[in-house]
Amino acid sequence: YADSVKGRFTVSRDNAKNTVYLEMN
């Protein structure tokens, strides 16, 4: 993660769906 988003953003992926997500709080 970039330092500016640590603790607020979460990246995840679903390999079966070839999809990546970014949860931004």
mmCIF file of all heavy atoms, coordinates in Angstrom:
data_MODEL
# 
_entry.id   MODEL 
# 
loop_
_atom_site.group_PDB 
_atom_site.id 
_atom_site.type_symbol 
_atom_site.label_atom_id 
_atom_site.label_alt_id 
_atom_site.label_comp_id 
_atom_site.label_asym_id 
_atom_site.label_entity_id 
_atom_site.label_seq_id 
_atom_site.pdbx_PDB_ins_code 
_atom_site.Cartn_x 
_atom_site.Cartn_y 
_atom_site.Cartn_z 
_atom_site.occupancy 
_atom_site.B_iso_or_equiv 
_atom_site.pdbx_formal_charge 
_atom_site.auth_seq_id 
_atom_site.auth_comp_id 
_atom_site.auth_asym_id 
_atom_site.auth_atom_id 
_atom_site.pdbx_PDB_model_num 
ATOM 1   N N   . TYR A 1 1  ? 0.824   -1.203  0.000   1.00 0.00 ? 1  TYR A N   1 
ATOM 2   C CA  . TYR A 1 1  ? 0.000   0.000   0.000   1.00 0.00 ? 1  TYR A CA  1 
ATOM 3   C C   . TYR A 1 1  ? 0.863   1.260   0.000   1.00 0.00 ? 1  TYR A C   1 
ATOM 4   O O   . TYR A 1 1  ? 1.940   1.291   0.594   1.00 0.00 ? 1  TYR A O   1 
ATOM 5   C CB  . TYR A 1 1  ? -0.888  0.060   1.253   1.00 0.00 ? 1  TYR A CB  1 
ATOM 6   C CG  . TYR A 1 1  ? -1.952  -0.998  1.336   1.00 0.00 ? 1  TYR A CG  1 
ATOM 7   C CD1 . TYR A 1 1  ? -1.720  -2.196  2.004   1.00 0.00 ? 1  TYR A CD1 1 
ATOM 8   C CD2 . TYR A 1 1  ? -3.200  -0.795  0.750   1.00 0.00 ? 1  TYR A CD2 1 
ATOM 9   C CE1 . TYR A 1 1  ? -2.699  -3.167  2.083   1.00 0.00 ? 1  TYR A CE1 1 
ATOM 10  C CE2 . TYR A 1 1  ? -4.186  -1.755  0.833   1.00 0.00 ? 1  TYR A CE2 1 
ATOM 11  C CZ  . TYR A 1 1  ? -3.929  -2.942  1.500   1.00 0.00 ? 1  TYR A CZ  1 
ATOM 12  O OH  . TYR A 1 1  ? -4.910  -3.898  1.580   1.00 0.00 ? 1  TYR A OH  1 
ATOM 13  N N   . ALA A 1 2  ? 0.337   2.312   -0.618  1.00 0.00 ? 2  ALA A N   1 
ATOM 14  C CA  . ALA A 1 2  ? 0.935   3.623   -0.454  1.00 0.00 ? 2  ALA A CA  1 
ATOM 15  C C   . ALA A 1 2  ? 0.757   4.053   1.000   1.00 0.00 ? 2  ALA A C   1 
ATOM 16  O O   . ALA A 1 2  ? -0.271  3.731   1.628   1.00 0.00 ? 2  ALA A O   1 
ATOM 17  C CB  . ALA A 1 2  ? 0.258   4.627   -1.383  1.00 0.00 ? 2  ALA A CB  1 
ATOM 18  N N   . ASP A 1 3  ? 1.739   4.750   1.538   1.00 0.00 ? 3  ASP A N   1 
ATOM 19  C CA  . ASP A 1 3  ? 1.662   5.162   2.942   1.00 0.00 ? 3  ASP A CA  1 
ATOM 20  C C   . ASP A 1 3  ? 0.396   5.973   3.225   1.00 0.00 ? 3  ASP A C   1 
ATOM 21  O O   . ASP A 1 3  ? -0.188  5.875   4.310   1.00 0.00 ? 3  ASP A O   1 
ATOM 22  C CB  . ASP A 1 3  ? 2.892   5.987   3.307   1.00 0.00 ? 3  ASP A CB  1 
ATOM 23  C CG  . ASP A 1 3  ? 4.148   5.146   3.418   1.00 0.00 ? 3  ASP A CG  1 
ATOM 24  O OD1 . ASP A 1 3  ? 4.031   3.903   3.540   1.00 0.00 ? 3  ASP A OD1 1 
ATOM 25  O OD2 . ASP A 1 3  ? 5.249   5.715   3.370   1.00 0.00 ? 3  ASP A OD2 1 
ATOM 26  N N   . SER A 1 4  ? -0.029  6.751   2.257   1.00 0.00 ? 4  SER A N   1 
ATOM 27  C CA  . SER A 1 4  ? -1.157  7.658   2.462   1.00 0.00 ? 4  SER A CA  1 
ATOM 28  C C   . SER A 1 4  ? -2.492  6.938   2.632   1.00 0.00 ? 4  SER A C   1 
ATOM 29  O O   . SER A 1 4  ? -3.457  7.538   3.110   1.00 0.00 ? 4  SER A O   1 
ATOM 30  C CB  . SER A 1 4  ? -1.255  8.635   1.294   1.00 0.00 ? 4  SER A CB  1 
ATOM 31  O OG  . SER A 1 4  ? -1.454  7.943   0.079   1.00 0.00 ? 4  SER A OG  1 
ATOM 32  N N   . VAL A 1 5  ? -2.557  5.664   2.249   1.00 0.00 ? 5  VAL A N   1 
ATOM 33  C CA  . VAL A 1 5  ? -3.835  4.943   2.339   1.00 0.00 ? 5  VAL A CA  1 
ATOM 34  C C   . VAL A 1 5  ? -3.803  3.795   3.337   1.00 0.00 ? 5  VAL A C   1 
ATOM 35  O O   . VAL A 1 5  ? -4.832  3.152   3.579   1.00 0.00 ? 5  VAL A O   1 
ATOM 36  C CB  . VAL A 1 5  ? -4.280  4.414   0.959   1.00 0.00 ? 5  VAL A CB  1 
ATOM 37  C CG1 . VAL A 1 5  ? -4.298  5.536   -0.068  1.00 0.00 ? 5  VAL A CG1 1 
ATOM 38  C CG2 . VAL A 1 5  ? -3.424  3.261   0.490   1.00 0.00 ? 5  VAL A CG2 1 
ATOM 39  N N   . LYS A 1 6  ? -2.652  3.526   3.921   1.00 0.00 ? 6  LYS A N   1 
ATOM 40  C CA  . LYS A 1 6  ? -2.550  2.419   4.874   1.00 0.00 ? 6  LYS A CA  1 
ATOM 41  C C   . LYS A 1 6  ? -3.527  2.623   6.036   1.00 0.00 ? 6  LYS A C   1 
ATOM 42  O O   . LYS A 1 6  ? -3.633  3.710   6.596   1.00 0.00 ? 6  LYS A O   1 
ATOM 43  C CB  . LYS A 1 6  ? -1.119  2.328   5.405   1.00 0.00 ? 6  LYS A CB  1 
ATOM 44  C CG  . LYS A 1 6  ? -0.134  1.726   4.420   1.00 0.00 ? 6  LYS A CG  1 
ATOM 45  C CD  . LYS A 1 6  ? 1.271   1.656   5.019   1.00 0.00 ? 6  LYS A CD  1 
ATOM 46  C CE  . LYS A 1 6  ? 2.246   1.061   4.024   1.00 0.00 ? 6  LYS A CE  1 
ATOM 47  N NZ  . LYS A 1 6  ? 3.632   1.052   4.547   1.00 0.00 ? 6  LYS A NZ  1 
ATOM 48  N N   . GLY A 1 7  ? -4.215  1.548   6.371   1.00 0.00 ? 7  GLY A N   1 
ATOM 49  C CA  . GLY A 1 7  ? -5.176  1.606   7.458   1.00 0.00 ? 7  GLY A CA  1 
ATOM 50  C C   . GLY A 1 7  ? -6.553  2.083   7.039   1.00 0.00 ? 7  GLY A C   1 
ATOM 51  O O   . GLY A 1 7  ? -7.508  1.974   7.812   1.00 0.00 ? 7  GLY A O   1 
ATOM 52  N N   . ARG A 1 8  ? -6.680  2.608   5.825   1.00 0.00 ? 8  ARG A N   1 
ATOM 53  C CA  . ARG A 1 8  ? -7.978  3.084   5.338   1.00 0.00 ? 8  ARG A CA  1 
ATOM 54  C C   . ARG A 1 8  ? -8.477  2.287   4.135   1.00 0.00 ? 8  ARG A C   1 
ATOM 55  O O   . ARG A 1 8  ? -9.688  2.086   3.990   1.00 0.00 ? 8  ARG A O   1 
ATOM 56  C CB  . ARG A 1 8  ? -7.875  4.570   4.945   1.00 0.00 ? 8  ARG A CB  1 
ATOM 57  C CG  . ARG A 1 8  ? -7.463  5.484   6.080   1.00 0.00 ? 8  ARG A CG  1 
ATOM 58  C CD  . ARG A 1 8  ? -7.562  6.956   5.670   1.00 0.00 ? 8  ARG A CD  1 
ATOM 59  N NE  . ARG A 1 8  ? -6.659  7.285   4.576   1.00 0.00 ? 8  ARG A NE  1 
ATOM 60  C CZ  . ARG A 1 8  ? -7.041  7.781   3.407   1.00 0.00 ? 8  ARG A CZ  1 
ATOM 61  N NH1 . ARG A 1 8  ? -8.327  7.995   3.155   1.00 0.00 ? 8  ARG A NH1 1 
ATOM 62  N NH2 . ARG A 1 8  ? -6.146  8.085   2.475   1.00 0.00 ? 8  ARG A NH2 1 
ATOM 63  N N   . PHE A 1 9  ? -7.564  1.884   3.274   1.00 0.00 ? 9  PHE A N   1 
ATOM 64  C CA  . PHE A 1 9  ? -7.927  1.150   2.059   1.00 0.00 ? 9  PHE A CA  1 
ATOM 65  C C   . PHE A 1 9  ? -7.535  -0.320  2.204   1.00 0.00 ? 9  PHE A C   1 
ATOM 66  O O   . PHE A 1 9  ? -6.517  -0.636  2.839   1.00 0.00 ? 9  PHE A O   1 
ATOM 67  C CB  . PHE A 1 9  ? -7.201  1.723   0.846   1.00 0.00 ? 9  PHE A CB  1 
ATOM 68  C CG  . PHE A 1 9  ? -7.649  3.091   0.404   1.00 0.00 ? 9  PHE A CG  1 
ATOM 69  C CD1 . PHE A 1 9  ? -8.459  3.893   1.206   1.00 0.00 ? 9  PHE A CD1 1 
ATOM 70  C CD2 . PHE A 1 9  ? -7.253  3.589   -0.821  1.00 0.00 ? 9  PHE A CD2 1 
ATOM 71  C CE1 . PHE A 1 9  ? -8.857  5.150   0.802   1.00 0.00 ? 9  PHE A CE1 1 
ATOM 72  C CE2 . PHE A 1 9  ? -7.644  4.843   -1.253  1.00 0.00 ? 9  PHE A CE2 1 
ATOM 73  C CZ  . PHE A 1 9  ? -8.439  5.628   -0.430  1.00 0.00 ? 9  PHE A CZ  1 
ATOM 74  N N   . THR A 1 10 ? -8.320  -1.176  1.562   1.00 0.00 ? 10 THR A N   1 
ATOM 75  C CA  . THR A 1 10 ? -8.019  -2.607  1.548   1.00 0.00 ? 10 THR A CA  1 
ATOM 76  C C   . THR A 1 10 ? -8.151  -3.126  0.129   1.00 0.00 ? 10 THR A C   1 
ATOM 77  O O   . THR A 1 10 ? -9.209  -2.964  -0.500  1.00 0.00 ? 10 THR A O   1 
ATOM 78  C CB  . THR A 1 10 ? -8.962  -3.388  2.463   1.00 0.00 ? 10 THR A CB  1 
ATOM 79  O OG1 . THR A 1 10 ? -8.866  -2.883  3.800   1.00 0.00 ? 10 THR A OG1 1 
ATOM 80  C CG2 . THR A 1 10 ? -8.603  -4.866  2.449   1.00 0.00 ? 10 THR A CG2 1 
ATOM 81  N N   . VAL A 1 11 ? -7.077  -3.739  -0.360  1.00 0.00 ? 11 VAL A N   1 
ATOM 82  C CA  . VAL A 1 11 ? -7.111  -4.368  -1.678  1.00 0.00 ? 11 VAL A CA  1 
ATOM 83  C C   . VAL A 1 11 ? -7.311  -5.866  -1.492  1.00 0.00 ? 11 VAL A C   1 
ATOM 84  O O   . VAL A 1 11 ? -6.751  -6.470  -0.566  1.00 0.00 ? 11 VAL A O   1 
ATOM 85  C CB  . VAL A 1 11 ? -5.814  -4.065  -2.471  1.00 0.00 ? 11 VAL A CB  1 
ATOM 86  C CG1 . VAL A 1 11 ? -4.583  -4.622  -1.782  1.00 0.00 ? 11 VAL A CG1 1 
ATOM 87  C CG2 . VAL A 1 11 ? -5.927  -4.585  -3.902  1.00 0.00 ? 11 VAL A CG2 1 
ATOM 88  N N   . SER A 1 12 ? -8.128  -6.453  -2.352  1.00 0.00 ? 12 SER A N   1 
ATOM 89  C CA  . SER A 1 12 ? -8.371  -7.895  -2.296  1.00 0.00 ? 12 SER A CA  1 
ATOM 90  C C   . SER A 1 12 ? -8.610  -8.394  -3.711  1.00 0.00 ? 12 SER A C   1 
ATOM 91  O O   . SER A 1 12 ? -8.788  -7.599  -4.645  1.00 0.00 ? 12 SER A O   1 
ATOM 92  C CB  . SER A 1 12 ? -9.570  -8.210  -1.396  1.00 0.00 ? 12 SER A CB  1 
ATOM 93  O OG  . SER A 1 12 ? -10.750 -7.590  -1.897  1.00 0.00 ? 12 SER A OG  1 
ATOM 94  N N   . ARG A 1 13 ? -8.615  -9.707  -3.871  1.00 0.00 ? 13 ARG A N   1 
ATOM 95  C CA  . ARG A 1 13 ? -8.830  -10.273 -5.199  1.00 0.00 ? 13 ARG A CA  1 
ATOM 96  C C   . ARG A 1 13 ? -9.564  -11.576 -5.084  1.00 0.00 ? 13 ARG A C   1 
ATOM 97  O O   . ARG A 1 13 ? -9.467  -12.283 -4.056  1.00 0.00 ? 13 ARG A O   1 
ATOM 98  C CB  . ARG A 1 13 ? -7.506  -10.452 -5.946  1.00 0.00 ? 13 ARG A CB  1 
ATOM 99  C CG  . ARG A 1 13 ? -6.533  -11.402 -5.284  1.00 0.00 ? 13 ARG A CG  1 
ATOM 100 C CD  . ARG A 1 13 ? -5.165  -11.371 -5.988  1.00 0.00 ? 13 ARG A CD  1 
ATOM 101 N NE  . ARG A 1 13 ? -5.213  -12.030 -7.299  1.00 0.00 ? 13 ARG A NE  1 
ATOM 102 C CZ  . ARG A 1 13 ? -4.215  -11.978 -8.179  1.00 0.00 ? 13 ARG A CZ  1 
ATOM 103 N NH1 . ARG A 1 13 ? -3.113  -11.287 -7.908  1.00 0.00 ? 13 ARG A NH1 1 
ATOM 104 N NH2 . ARG A 1 13 ? -4.311  -12.610 -9.334  1.00 0.00 ? 13 ARG A NH2 1 
ATOM 105 N N   . ASP A 1 14 ? -10.265 -11.924 -6.150  1.00 0.00 ? 14 ASP A N   1 
ATOM 106 C CA  . ASP A 1 14 ? -10.928 -13.205 -6.292  1.00 0.00 ? 14 ASP A CA  1 
ATOM 107 C C   . ASP A 1 14 ? -10.316 -13.863 -7.515  1.00 0.00 ? 14 ASP A C   1 
ATOM 108 O O   . ASP A 1 14 ? -10.616 -13.483 -8.648  1.00 0.00 ? 14 ASP A O   1 
ATOM 109 C CB  . ASP A 1 14 ? -12.434 -13.002 -6.462  1.00 0.00 ? 14 ASP A CB  1 
ATOM 110 C CG  . ASP A 1 14 ? -13.201 -14.313 -6.510  1.00 0.00 ? 14 ASP A CG  1 
ATOM 111 O OD1 . ASP A 1 14 ? -12.630 -15.333 -6.938  1.00 0.00 ? 14 ASP A OD1 1 
ATOM 112 O OD2 . ASP A 1 14 ? -14.391 -14.307 -6.138  1.00 0.00 ? 14 ASP A OD2 1 
ATOM 113 N N   . ASN A 1 15 ? -9.431  -14.796 -7.283  1.00 0.00 ? 15 ASN A N   1 
ATOM 114 C CA  . ASN A 1 15 ? -8.702  -15.409 -8.402  1.00 0.00 ? 15 ASN A CA  1 
ATOM 115 C C   . ASN A 1 15 ? -9.630  -16.197 -9.330  1.00 0.00 ? 15 ASN A C   1 
ATOM 116 O O   . ASN A 1 15 ? -9.381  -16.284 -10.528 1.00 0.00 ? 15 ASN A O   1 
ATOM 117 C CB  . ASN A 1 15 ? -7.591  -16.302 -7.872  1.00 0.00 ? 15 ASN A CB  1 
ATOM 118 C CG  . ASN A 1 15 ? -6.484  -15.501 -7.206  1.00 0.00 ? 15 ASN A CG  1 
ATOM 119 O OD1 . ASN A 1 15 ? -6.209  -14.364 -7.577  1.00 0.00 ? 15 ASN A OD1 1 
ATOM 120 N ND2 . ASN A 1 15 ? -5.846  -16.094 -6.213  1.00 0.00 ? 15 ASN A ND2 1 
ATOM 121 N N   . ALA A 1 16 ? -10.673 -16.771 -8.782  1.00 0.00 ? 16 ALA A N   1 
ATOM 122 C CA  . ALA A 1 16 ? -11.610 -17.535 -9.609  1.00 0.00 ? 16 ALA A CA  1 
ATOM 123 C C   . ALA A 1 16 ? -12.357 -16.628 -10.584 1.00 0.00 ? 16 ALA A C   1 
ATOM 124 O O   . ALA A 1 16 ? -12.744 -17.053 -11.671 1.00 0.00 ? 16 ALA A O   1 
ATOM 125 C CB  . ALA A 1 16 ? -12.593 -18.284 -8.724  1.00 0.00 ? 16 ALA A CB  1 
ATOM 126 N N   . LYS A 1 17 ? -12.542 -15.378 -10.192 1.00 0.00 ? 17 LYS A N   1 
ATOM 127 C CA  . LYS A 1 17 ? -13.273 -14.433 -11.025 1.00 0.00 ? 17 LYS A CA  1 
ATOM 128 C C   . LYS A 1 17 ? -12.345 -13.456 -11.739 1.00 0.00 ? 17 LYS A C   1 
ATOM 129 O O   . LYS A 1 17 ? -12.813 -12.576 -12.468 1.00 0.00 ? 17 LYS A O   1 
ATOM 130 C CB  . LYS A 1 17 ? -14.263 -13.635 -10.173 1.00 0.00 ? 17 LYS A CB  1 
ATOM 131 C CG  . LYS A 1 17 ? -15.364 -14.478 -9.558  1.00 0.00 ? 17 LYS A CG  1 
ATOM 132 C CD  . LYS A 1 17 ? -16.321 -13.607 -8.756  1.00 0.00 ? 17 LYS A CD  1 
ATOM 133 C CE  . LYS A 1 17 ? -17.450 -14.440 -8.161  1.00 0.00 ? 17 LYS A CE  1 
ATOM 134 N NZ  . LYS A 1 17 ? -18.386 -13.605 -7.364  1.00 0.00 ? 17 LYS A NZ  1 
ATOM 135 N N   . ASN A 1 18 ? -11.037 -13.590 -11.525 1.00 0.00 ? 18 ASN A N   1 
ATOM 136 C CA  . ASN A 1 18 ? -10.059 -12.658 -12.113 1.00 0.00 ? 18 ASN A CA  1 
ATOM 137 C C   . ASN A 1 18 ? -10.437 -11.205 -11.821 1.00 0.00 ? 18 ASN A C   1 
ATOM 138 O O   . ASN A 1 18 ? -10.411 -10.346 -12.709 1.00 0.00 ? 18 ASN A O   1 
ATOM 139 C CB  . ASN A 1 18 ? -9.939  -12.877 -13.624 1.00 0.00 ? 18 ASN A CB  1 
ATOM 140 C CG  . ASN A 1 18 ? -9.289  -14.206 -13.949 1.00 0.00 ? 18 ASN A CG  1 
ATOM 141 O OD1 . ASN A 1 18 ? -8.347  -14.631 -13.287 1.00 0.00 ? 18 ASN A OD1 1 
ATOM 142 N ND2 . ASN A 1 18 ? -9.794  -14.872 -14.982 1.00 0.00 ? 18 ASN A ND2 1 
ATOM 143 N N   . THR A 1 19 ? -10.802 -10.968 -10.591 1.00 0.00 ? 19 THR A N   1 
ATOM 144 C CA  . THR A 1 19 ? -11.296 -9.647  -10.194 1.00 0.00 ? 19 THR A CA  1 
ATOM 145 C C   . THR A 1 19 ? -10.504 -9.128  -9.001  1.00 0.00 ? 19 THR A C   1 
ATOM 146 O O   . THR A 1 19 ? -10.198 -9.883  -8.077  1.00 0.00 ? 19 THR A O   1 
ATOM 147 C CB  . THR A 1 19 ? -12.791 -9.709  -9.849  1.00 0.00 ? 19 THR A CB  1 
ATOM 148 O OG1 . THR A 1 19 ? -13.522 -10.148 -11.008 1.00 0.00 ? 19 THR A OG1 1 
ATOM 149 C CG2 . THR A 1 19 ? -13.312 -8.343  -9.430  1.00 0.00 ? 19 THR A CG2 1 
ATOM 150 N N   . VAL A 1 20 ? -10.222 -7.838  -9.042  1.00 0.00 ? 20 VAL A N   1 
ATOM 151 C CA  . VAL A 1 20 ? -9.544  -7.170  -7.930  1.00 0.00 ? 20 VAL A CA  1 
ATOM 152 C C   . VAL A 1 20 ? -10.458 -6.077  -7.410  1.00 0.00 ? 20 VAL A C   1 
ATOM 153 O O   . VAL A 1 20 ? -11.203 -5.454  -8.176  1.00 0.00 ? 20 VAL A O   1 
ATOM 154 C CB  . VAL A 1 20 ? -8.172  -6.597  -8.357  1.00 0.00 ? 20 VAL A CB  1 
ATOM 155 C CG1 . VAL A 1 20 ? -8.301  -5.542  -9.454  1.00 0.00 ? 20 VAL A CG1 1 
ATOM 156 C CG2 . VAL A 1 20 ? -7.400  -6.057  -7.167  1.00 0.00 ? 20 VAL A CG2 1 
ATOM 157 N N   . TYR A 1 21 ? -10.415 -5.883  -6.105  1.00 0.00 ? 21 TYR A N   1 
ATOM 158 C CA  . TYR A 1 21 ? -11.279 -4.919  -5.435  1.00 0.00 ? 21 TYR A CA  1 
ATOM 159 C C   . TYR A 1 21 ? -10.438 -3.914  -4.645  1.00 0.00 ? 21 TYR A C   1 
ATOM 160 O O   . TYR A 1 21 ? -9.325  -4.216  -4.221  1.00 0.00 ? 21 TYR A O   1 
ATOM 161 C CB  . TYR A 1 21 ? -12.231 -5.621  -4.469  1.00 0.00 ? 21 TYR A CB  1 
ATOM 162 C CG  . TYR A 1 21 ? -13.035 -6.728  -5.096  1.00 0.00 ? 21 TYR A CG  1 
ATOM 163 C CD1 . TYR A 1 21 ? -12.601 -8.055  -5.024  1.00 0.00 ? 21 TYR A CD1 1 
ATOM 164 C CD2 . TYR A 1 21 ? -14.228 -6.467  -5.752  1.00 0.00 ? 21 TYR A CD2 1 
ATOM 165 C CE1 . TYR A 1 21 ? -13.335 -9.077  -5.593  1.00 0.00 ? 21 TYR A CE1 1 
ATOM 166 C CE2 . TYR A 1 21 ? -14.975 -7.481  -6.322  1.00 0.00 ? 21 TYR A CE2 1 
ATOM 167 C CZ  . TYR A 1 21 ? -14.524 -8.793  -6.243  1.00 0.00 ? 21 TYR A CZ  1 
ATOM 168 O OH  . TYR A 1 21 ? -15.254 -9.804  -6.815  1.00 0.00 ? 21 TYR A OH  1 
ATOM 169 N N   . LEU A 1 22 ? -11.012 -2.740  -4.447  1.00 0.00 ? 22 LEU A N   1 
ATOM 170 C CA  . LEU A 1 22 ? -10.395 -1.753  -3.569  1.00 0.00 ? 22 LEU A CA  1 
ATOM 171 C C   . LEU A 1 22 ? -11.489 -1.186  -2.681  1.00 0.00 ? 22 LEU A C   1 
ATOM 172 O O   . LEU A 1 22 ? -12.384 -0.483  -3.164  1.00 0.00 ? 22 LEU A O   1 
ATOM 173 C CB  . LEU A 1 22 ? -9.716  -0.636  -4.351  1.00 0.00 ? 22 LEU A CB  1 
ATOM 174 C CG  . LEU A 1 22 ? -8.940  0.373   -3.498  1.00 0.00 ? 22 LEU A CG  1 
ATOM 175 C CD1 . LEU A 1 22 ? -7.726  -0.307  -2.852  1.00 0.00 ? 22 LEU A CD1 1 
ATOM 176 C CD2 . LEU A 1 22 ? -8.491  1.570   -4.340  1.00 0.00 ? 22 LEU A CD2 1 
ATOM 177 N N   . GLU A 1 23 ? -11.428 -1.524  -1.414  1.00 0.00 ? 23 GLU A N   1 
ATOM 178 C CA  . GLU A 1 23 ? -12.356 -0.999  -0.433  1.00 0.00 ? 23 GLU A CA  1 
ATOM 179 C C   . GLU A 1 23 ? -11.726 0.249   0.172   1.00 0.00 ? 23 GLU A C   1 
ATOM 180 O O   . GLU A 1 23 ? -10.631 0.197   0.735   1.00 0.00 ? 23 GLU A O   1 
ATOM 181 C CB  . GLU A 1 23 ? -12.620 -2.039  0.652   1.00 0.00 ? 23 GLU A CB  1 
ATOM 182 C CG  . GLU A 1 23 ? -13.722 -1.687  1.612   1.00 0.00 ? 23 GLU A CG  1 
ATOM 183 C CD  . GLU A 1 23 ? -15.118 -1.856  0.995   1.00 0.00 ? 23 GLU A CD  1 
ATOM 184 O OE1 . GLU A 1 23 ? -15.300 -2.785  0.200   1.00 0.00 ? 23 GLU A OE1 1 
ATOM 185 O OE2 . GLU A 1 23 ? -15.991 -1.025  1.307   1.00 0.00 ? 23 GLU A OE2 1 
ATOM 186 N N   . MET A 1 24 ? -12.417 1.379   0.053   1.00 0.00 ? 24 MET A N   1 
ATOM 187 C CA  . MET A 1 24 ? -11.864 2.652   0.506   1.00 0.00 ? 24 MET A CA  1 
ATOM 188 C C   . MET A 1 24 ? -12.745 3.205   1.617   1.00 0.00 ? 24 MET A C   1 
ATOM 189 O O   . MET A 1 24 ? -13.925 3.484   1.399   1.00 0.00 ? 24 MET A O   1 
ATOM 190 C CB  . MET A 1 24 ? -11.805 3.642   -0.659  1.00 0.00 ? 24 MET A CB  1 
ATOM 191 C CG  . MET A 1 24 ? -10.982 3.152   -1.830  1.00 0.00 ? 24 MET A CG  1 
ATOM 192 S SD  . MET A 1 24 ? -10.847 4.340   -3.179  1.00 0.00 ? 24 MET A SD  1 
ATOM 193 C CE  . MET A 1 24 ? -12.510 4.250   -3.839  1.00 0.00 ? 24 MET A CE  1 
ATOM 194 N N   . ASN A 1 25 ? -12.177 3.342   2.795   1.00 0.00 ? 25 ASN A N   1 
ATOM 195 C CA  . ASN A 1 25 ? -12.873 3.882   3.948   1.00 0.00 ? 25 ASN A CA  1 
ATOM 196 C C   . ASN A 1 25 ? -12.173 5.140   4.442   1.00 0.00 ? 25 ASN A C   1 
ATOM 197 O O   . ASN A 1 25 ? -10.999 5.360   4.139   1.00 0.00 ? 25 ASN A O   1 
ATOM 198 C CB  . ASN A 1 25 ? -12.921 2.842   5.064   1.00 0.00 ? 25 ASN A CB  1 
ATOM 199 C CG  . ASN A 1 25 ? -13.667 1.585   4.671   1.00 0.00 ? 25 ASN A CG  1 
ATOM 200 O OD1 . ASN A 1 25 ? -14.774 1.643   4.134   1.00 0.00 ? 25 ASN A OD1 1 
ATOM 201 N ND2 . ASN A 1 25 ? -13.061 0.436   4.922   1.00 0.00 ? 25 ASN A ND2 1 
# 
